[in-house]
Amino acid sequence: RGVSQGHSDAVRRVPGVADAVQYTIPSPDA
């Protein structure tokens, strides 16, 4: 589980977004 810089940057570039953070979360069962 952690912050993806690339994905967070992609979200911040969406029109209407002032700031954002994105977390990627692996499945423990998988």
All heavy atoms as atom14 arrays in JSON, in Angstrom:
{
  "sequence": "RGVSQGHSDAVRRVPGVADAVQYTIPSPDA",
  "atom14_mask": [
    [1, 1, 1, 1, 1, 1, 1, 1, 1, 1, 1, 0, 0, 0],
    [1, 1, 1, 1, 0, 0, 0, 0, 0, 0, 0, 0, 0, 0],
    [1, 1, 1, 1, 1, 1, 1, 0, 0, 0, 0, 0, 0, 0],
    [1, 1, 1, 1, 1, 1, 0, 0, 0, 0, 0, 0, 0, 0],
    [1, 1, 1, 1, 1, 1, 1, 1, 1, 0, 0, 0, 0, 0],
    [1, 1, 1, 1, 0, 0, 0, 0, 0, 0, 0, 0, 0, 0],
    [1, 1, 1, 1, 1, 1, 1, 1, 1, 1, 0, 0, 0, 0],
    [1, 1, 1, 1, 1, 1, 0, 0, 0, 0, 0, 0, 0, 0],
    [1, 1, 1, 1, 1, 1, 1, 1, 0, 0, 0, 0, 0, 0],
    [1, 1, 1, 1, 1, 0, 0, 0, 0, 0, 0, 0, 0, 0],
    [1, 1, 1, 1, 1, 1, 1, 0, 0, 0, 0, 0, 0, 0],
    [1, 1, 1, 1, 1, 1, 1, 1, 1, 1, 1, 0, 0, 0],
    [1, 1, 1, 1, 1, 1, 1, 1, 1, 1, 1, 0, 0, 0],
    [1, 1, 1, 1, 1, 1, 1, 0, 0, 0, 0, 0, 0, 0],
    [1, 1, 1, 1, 1, 1, 1, 0, 0, 0, 0, 0, 0, 0],
    [1, 1, 1, 1, 0, 0, 0, 0, 0, 0, 0, 0, 0, 0],
    [1, 1, 1, 1, 1, 1, 1, 0, 0, 0, 0, 0, 0, 0],
    [1, 1, 1, 1, 1, 0, 0, 0, 0, 0, 0, 0, 0, 0],
    [1, 1, 1, 1, 1, 1, 1, 1, 0, 0, 0, 0, 0, 0],
    [1, 1, 1, 1, 1, 0, 0, 0, 0, 0, 0, 0, 0, 0],
    [1, 1, 1, 1, 1, 1, 1, 0, 0, 0, 0, 0, 0, 0],
    [1, 1, 1, 1, 1, 1, 1, 1, 1, 0, 0, 0, 0, 0],
    [1, 1, 1, 1, 1, 1, 1, 1, 1, 1, 1, 1, 0, 0],
    [1, 1, 1, 1, 1, 1, 1, 0, 0, 0, 0, 0, 0, 0],
    [1, 1, 1, 1, 1, 1, 1, 1, 0, 0, 0, 0, 0, 0],
    [1, 1, 1, 1, 1, 1, 1, 0, 0, 0, 0, 0, 0, 0],
    [1, 1, 1, 1, 1, 1, 0, 0, 0, 0, 0, 0, 0, 0],
    [1, 1, 1, 1, 1, 1, 1, 0, 0, 0, 0, 0, 0, 0],
    [1, 1, 1, 1, 1, 1, 1, 1, 0, 0, 0, 0, 0, 0],
    [1, 1, 1, 1, 1, 0, 0, 0, 0, 0, 0, 0, 0, 0]
  ],
  "atom14_positions": [
    [[0.84, -1.18, 0.0], [0.0, 0.0, 0.0], [0.88, 1.24, 0.0], [1.77, 1.37, 0.83], [-0.93, 0.01, 1.22], [-1.88, 1.2, 1.2], [-2.81, 1.17, 2.42], [-3.93, 2.12, 2.28], [-3.89, 3.36, 2.68], [-2.75, 3.82, 3.22], [-4.94, 4.15, 2.52], [0.0, 0.0, 0.0], [0.0, 0.0, 0.0], [0.0, 0.0, 0.0]],
    [[0.58, 2.16, -0.92], [1.39, 3.35, -0.95], [0.93, 4.37, -1.95], [0.0, 4.13, -2.74], [0.0, 0.0, 0.0], [0.0, 0.0, 0.0], [0.0, 0.0, 0.0], [0.0, 0.0, 0.0], [0.0, 0.0, 0.0], [0.0, 0.0, 0.0], [0.0, 0.0, 0.0], [0.0, 0.0, 0.0], [0.0, 0.0, 0.0], [0.0, 0.0, 0.0]],
    [[1.58, 5.52, -1.91], [1.26, 6.64, -2.79], [2.02, 6.47, -4.1], [3.25, 6.34, -4.11], [1.66, 7.98, -2.14], [1.45, 9.13, -3.12], [0.85, 8.21, -0.87], [0.0, 0.0, 0.0], [0.0, 0.0, 0.0], [0.0, 0.0, 0.0], [0.0, 0.0, 0.0], [0.0, 0.0, 0.0], [0.0, 0.0, 0.0], [0.0, 0.0, 0.0]],
    [[1.29, 6.45, -5.2], [1.9, 6.41, -6.52], [2.09, 7.84, -7.01], [1.12, 8.58, -7.19], [1.02, 5.64, -7.5], [1.47, 5.83, -8.83], [0.0, 0.0, 0.0], [0.0, 0.0, 0.0], [0.0, 0.0, 0.0], [0.0, 0.0, 0.0], [0.0, 0.0, 0.0], [0.0, 0.0, 0.0], [0.0, 0.0, 0.0], [0.0, 0.0, 0.0]],
    [[3.36, 8.22, -7.25], [3.61, 9.58, -7.74], [3.0, 9.81, -9.12], [2.37, 10.83, -9.38], [5.12, 9.83, -7.81], [5.81, 9.8, -6.48], [7.31, 9.94, -6.63], [7.84, 11.05, -6.63], [8.0, 8.82, -6.8], [0.0, 0.0, 0.0], [0.0, 0.0, 0.0], [0.0, 0.0, 0.0], [0.0, 0.0, 0.0], [0.0, 0.0, 0.0]],
    [[3.19, 8.82, -10.01], [2.68, 8.98, -11.37], [1.17, 9.05, -11.42], [0.6, 9.88, -12.14], [0.0, 0.0, 0.0], [0.0, 0.0, 0.0], [0.0, 0.0, 0.0], [0.0, 0.0, 0.0], [0.0, 0.0, 0.0], [0.0, 0.0, 0.0], [0.0, 0.0, 0.0], [0.0, 0.0, 0.0], [0.0, 0.0, 0.0], [0.0, 0.0, 0.0]],
    [[0.5, 8.18, -10.67], [-0.95, 8.19, -10.67], [-1.51, 9.41, -9.96], [-2.54, 9.96, -10.37], [-1.49, 6.9, -10.03], [-1.37, 5.7, -10.92], [-0.16, 5.11, -11.21], [-2.31, 4.98, -11.59], [-0.36, 4.08, -12.02], [-1.65, 3.98, -12.25], [0.0, 0.0, 0.0], [0.0, 0.0, 0.0], [0.0, 0.0, 0.0], [0.0, 0.0, 0.0]],
    [[-0.84, 9.85, -8.9], [-1.28, 11.08, -8.22], [-1.15, 12.27, -9.15], [-2.04, 13.13, -9.22], [-0.45, 11.3, -6.95], [-0.68, 10.28, -6.01], [0.0, 0.0, 0.0], [0.0, 0.0, 0.0], [0.0, 0.0, 0.0], [0.0, 0.0, 0.0], [0.0, 0.0, 0.0], [0.0, 0.0, 0.0], [0.0, 0.0, 0.0], [0.0, 0.0, 0.0]],
    [[-0.04, 12.32, -9.89], [0.16, 13.4, -10.85], [-0.91, 13.38, -11.93], [-1.44, 14.43, -12.34], [1.55, 13.29, -11.48], [1.82, 14.37, -12.52], [1.89, 15.54, -12.14], [1.97, 14.03, -13.7], [0.0, 0.0, 0.0], [0.0, 0.0, 0.0], [0.0, 0.0, 0.0], [0.0, 0.0, 0.0], [0.0, 0.0, 0.0], [0.0, 0.0, 0.0]],
    [[-1.27, 12.17, -12.39], [-2.31, 12.05, -13.41], [-3.65, 12.55, -12.91], [-4.4, 13.23, -13.63], [-2.43, 10.59, -13.87], [0.0, 0.0, 0.0], [0.0, 0.0, 0.0], [0.0, 0.0, 0.0], [0.0, 0.0, 0.0], [0.0, 0.0, 0.0], [0.0, 0.0, 0.0], [0.0, 0.0, 0.0], [0.0, 0.0, 0.0], [0.0, 0.0, 0.0]],
    [[-3.98, 12.26, -11.65], [-5.25, 12.75, -11.09], [-5.22, 14.27, -10.96], [-6.22, 14.95, -11.27], [-5.51, 12.1, -9.71], [-6.76, 12.71, -9.06], [-5.7, 10.6, -9.86], [0.0, 0.0, 0.0], [0.0, 0.0, 0.0], [0.0, 0.0, 0.0], [0.0, 0.0, 0.0], [0.0, 0.0, 0.0], [0.0, 0.0, 0.0], [0.0, 0.0, 0.0]],
    [[-4.09, 14.82, -10.55], [-4.01, 16.28, -10.38], [-4.18, 17.03, -11.69], [-4.51, 18.21, -11.7], [-2.67, 16.65, -9.72], [-2.6, 16.3, -8.24], [-1.4, 16.93, -7.57], [-0.16, 16.31, -7.98], [0.43, 15.29, -7.34], [-0.14, 14.79, -6.26], [1.57, 14.8, -7.78], [0.0, 0.0, 0.0], [0.0, 0.0, 0.0], [0.0, 0.0, 0.0]],
    [[-3.95, 16.34, -12.81], [-4.09, 16.99, -14.11], [-5.5, 16.88, -14.68], [-5.77, 17.42, -15.76], [-3.06, 16.41, -15.09], [-1.63, 16.76, -14.71], [-0.61, 16.06, -15.6], [0.75, 16.28, -15.14], [1.54, 17.28, -15.55], [1.09, 18.14, -16.44], [2.77, 17.41, -15.08], [0.0, 0.0, 0.0], [0.0, 0.0, 0.0], [0.0, 0.0, 0.0]],
    [[-6.4, 16.23, -13.97], [-7.79, 16.16, -14.41], [-8.45, 17.53, -14.22], [-8.31, 18.14, -13.16], [-8.56, 15.08, -13.62], [-10.06, 15.15, -13.89], [-8.03, 13.69, -13.95], [0.0, 0.0, 0.0], [0.0, 0.0, 0.0], [0.0, 0.0, 0.0], [0.0, 0.0, 0.0], [0.0, 0.0, 0.0], [0.0, 0.0, 0.0], [0.0, 0.0, 0.0]],
    [[-9.15, 18.05, -15.22], [-9.82, 19.34, -15.07], [-10.76, 19.33, -13.87], [-11.53, 18.38, -13.67], [-10.6, 19.5, -16.38], [-9.82, 18.69, -17.37], [-9.29, 17.51, -16.59], [0.0, 0.0, 0.0], [0.0, 0.0, 0.0], [0.0, 0.0, 0.0], [0.0, 0.0, 0.0], [0.0, 0.0, 0.0], [0.0, 0.0, 0.0], [0.0, 0.0, 0.0]],
    [[-10.64, 20.37, -13.04], [-11.48, 20.46, -11.85], [-10.81, 19.99, -10.58], [-11.36, 20.16, -9.48], [0.0, 0.0, 0.0], [0.0, 0.0, 0.0], [0.0, 0.0, 0.0], [0.0, 0.0, 0.0], [0.0, 0.0, 0.0], [0.0, 0.0, 0.0], [0.0, 0.0, 0.0], [0.0, 0.0, 0.0], [0.0, 0.0, 0.0], [0.0, 0.0, 0.0]],
    [[-9.6, 19.4, -10.7], [-8.88, 18.9, -9.53], [-7.85, 19.94, -9.09], [-6.99, 20.34, -9.87], [-8.19, 17.56, -9.82], [-7.3, 17.14, -8.65], [-9.23, 16.49, -10.1], [0.0, 0.0, 0.0], [0.0, 0.0, 0.0], [0.0, 0.0, 0.0], [0.0, 0.0, 0.0], [0.0, 0.0, 0.0], [0.0, 0.0, 0.0], [0.0, 0.0, 0.0]],
    [[-7.95, 20.35, -7.82], [-6.97, 21.3, -7.28], [-5.76, 20.58, -6.69], [-4.63, 21.06, -6.8], [-7.63, 22.16, -6.2], [0.0, 0.0, 0.0], [0.0, 0.0, 0.0], [0.0, 0.0, 0.0], [0.0, 0.0, 0.0], [0.0, 0.0, 0.0], [0.0, 0.0, 0.0], [0.0, 0.0, 0.0], [0.0, 0.0, 0.0], [0.0, 0.0, 0.0]],
    [[-5.98, 19.42, -6.1], [-4.89, 18.64, -5.54], [-5.41, 17.22, -5.32], [-6.62, 17.0, -5.23], [-4.41, 19.23, -4.22], [-2.98, 18.8, -3.85], [-2.4, 17.99, -4.61], [-2.47, 19.29, -2.84], [0.0, 0.0, 0.0], [0.0, 0.0, 0.0], [0.0, 0.0, 0.0], [0.0, 0.0, 0.0], [0.0, 0.0, 0.0], [0.0, 0.0, 0.0]],
    [[-4.49, 16.26, -5.23], [-4.93, 14.87, -5.08], [-3.77, 13.97, -4.68], [-2.61, 14.27, -4.95], [-5.55, 14.34, -6.38], [0.0, 0.0, 0.0], [0.0, 0.0, 0.0], [0.0, 0.0, 0.0], [0.0, 0.0, 0.0], [0.0, 0.0, 0.0], [0.0, 0.0, 0.0], [0.0, 0.0, 0.0], [0.0, 0.0, 0.0], [0.0, 0.0, 0.0]],
    [[-4.13, 12.86, -4.04], [-3.19, 11.78, -3.71], [-3.87, 10.47, -4.07], [-5.06, 10.29, -3.81], [-2.8, 11.79, -2.22], [-2.03, 10.54, -1.85], [-1.98, 13.02, -1.89], [0.0, 0.0, 0.0], [0.0, 0.0, 0.0], [0.0, 0.0, 0.0], [0.0, 0.0, 0.0], [0.0, 0.0, 0.0], [0.0, 0.0, 0.0], [0.0, 0.0, 0.0]],
    [[-3.11, 9.54, -4.66], [-3.66, 8.23, -5.02], [-2.88, 7.12, -4.33], [-1.64, 7.11, -4.35], [-3.62, 8.03, -6.54], [-4.32, 6.76, -7.02], [-3.39, 5.57, -7.1], [-2.26, 5.66, -7.57], [-3.85, 4.41, -6.65], [0.0, 0.0, 0.0], [0.0, 0.0, 0.0], [0.0, 0.0, 0.0], [0.0, 0.0, 0.0], [0.0, 0.0, 0.0]],
    [[-3.6, 6.2, -3.71], [-3.0, 5.05, -3.04], [-3.3, 3.77, -3.83], [-4.44, 3.55, -4.26], [-3.57, 4.87, -1.63], [-3.21, 5.97, -0.67], [-4.0, 7.11, -0.57], [-2.09, 5.88, 0.14], [-3.68, 8.13, 0.32], [-1.75, 6.88, 1.03], [-2.56, 8.01, 1.12], [-2.23, 9.02, 2.0], [0.0, 0.0, 0.0], [0.0, 0.0, 0.0]],
    [[-2.28, 2.96, -4.01], [-2.44, 1.64, -4.6], [-2.41, 0.61, -3.47], [-1.5, 0.65, -2.63], [-1.31, 1.35, -5.6], [-1.29, 2.37, -6.59], [-1.51, -0.01, -6.26], [0.0, 0.0, 0.0], [0.0, 0.0, 0.0], [0.0, 0.0, 0.0], [0.0, 0.0, 0.0], [0.0, 0.0, 0.0], [0.0, 0.0, 0.0], [0.0, 0.0, 0.0]],
    [[-3.4, -0.3, -3.47], [-3.55, -1.23, -2.35], [-3.59, -2.66, -2.88], [-4.5, -3.03, -3.63], [-4.85, -0.94, -1.57], [-4.86, 0.53, -1.12], [-5.0, -1.88, -0.38], [-6.18, 1.0, -0.57], [0.0, 0.0, 0.0], [0.0, 0.0, 0.0], [0.0, 0.0, 0.0], [0.0, 0.0, 0.0], [0.0, 0.0, 0.0], [0.0, 0.0, 0.0]],
    [[-2.6, -3.5, -2.53], [-2.61, -4.89, -2.99], [-3.58, -5.73, -2.17], [-3.88, -5.42, -1.02], [-1.17, -5.34, -2.75], [-0.71, -4.52, -1.59], [-1.42, -3.19, -1.71], [0.0, 0.0, 0.0], [0.0, 0.0, 0.0], [0.0, 0.0, 0.0], [0.0, 0.0, 0.0], [0.0, 0.0, 0.0], [0.0, 0.0, 0.0], [0.0, 0.0, 0.0]],
    [[-4.05, -6.81, -2.76], [-4.94, -7.73, -2.08], [-4.13, -8.74, -1.27], [-3.37, -9.52, -1.86], [-5.81, -8.48, -3.09], [-6.42, -9.61, -2.49], [0.0, 0.0, 0.0], [0.0, 0.0, 0.0], [0.0, 0.0, 0.0], [0.0, 0.0, 0.0], [0.0, 0.0, 0.0], [0.0, 0.0, 0.0], [0.0, 0.0, 0.0], [0.0, 0.0, 0.0]],
    [[-4.27, -8.77, 0.06], [-3.53, -9.76, 0.86], [-3.86, -11.2, 0.46], [-2.98, -12.06, 0.44], [-3.99, -9.46, 2.3], [-4.45, -8.04, 2.27], [-5.05, -7.85, 0.91], [0.0, 0.0, 0.0], [0.0, 0.0, 0.0], [0.0, 0.0, 0.0], [0.0, 0.0, 0.0], [0.0, 0.0, 0.0], [0.0, 0.0, 0.0], [0.0, 0.0, 0.0]],
    [[-5.12, -11.45, 0.11], [-5.52, -12.8, -0.29], [-4.81, -13.22, -1.57], [-4.34, -14.36, -1.69], [-7.03, -12.86, -0.48], [-7.49, -14.24, -0.93], [-7.35, -15.2, -0.14], [-7.99, -14.35, -2.06], [0.0, 0.0, 0.0], [0.0, 0.0, 0.0], [0.0, 0.0, 0.0], [0.0, 0.0, 0.0], [0.0, 0.0, 0.0], [0.0, 0.0, 0.0]],
    [[-4.71, -12.3, -2.53], [-4.03, -12.62, -3.79], [-2.55, -12.91, -3.56], [-1.99, -13.85, -4.15], [-4.2, -11.47, -4.78], [0.0, 0.0, 0.0], [0.0, 0.0, 0.0], [0.0, 0.0, 0.0], [0.0, 0.0, 0.0], [0.0, 0.0, 0.0], [0.0, 0.0, 0.0], [0.0, 0.0, 0.0], [0.0, 0.0, 0.0], [0.0, 0.0, 0.0]]
  ]
}
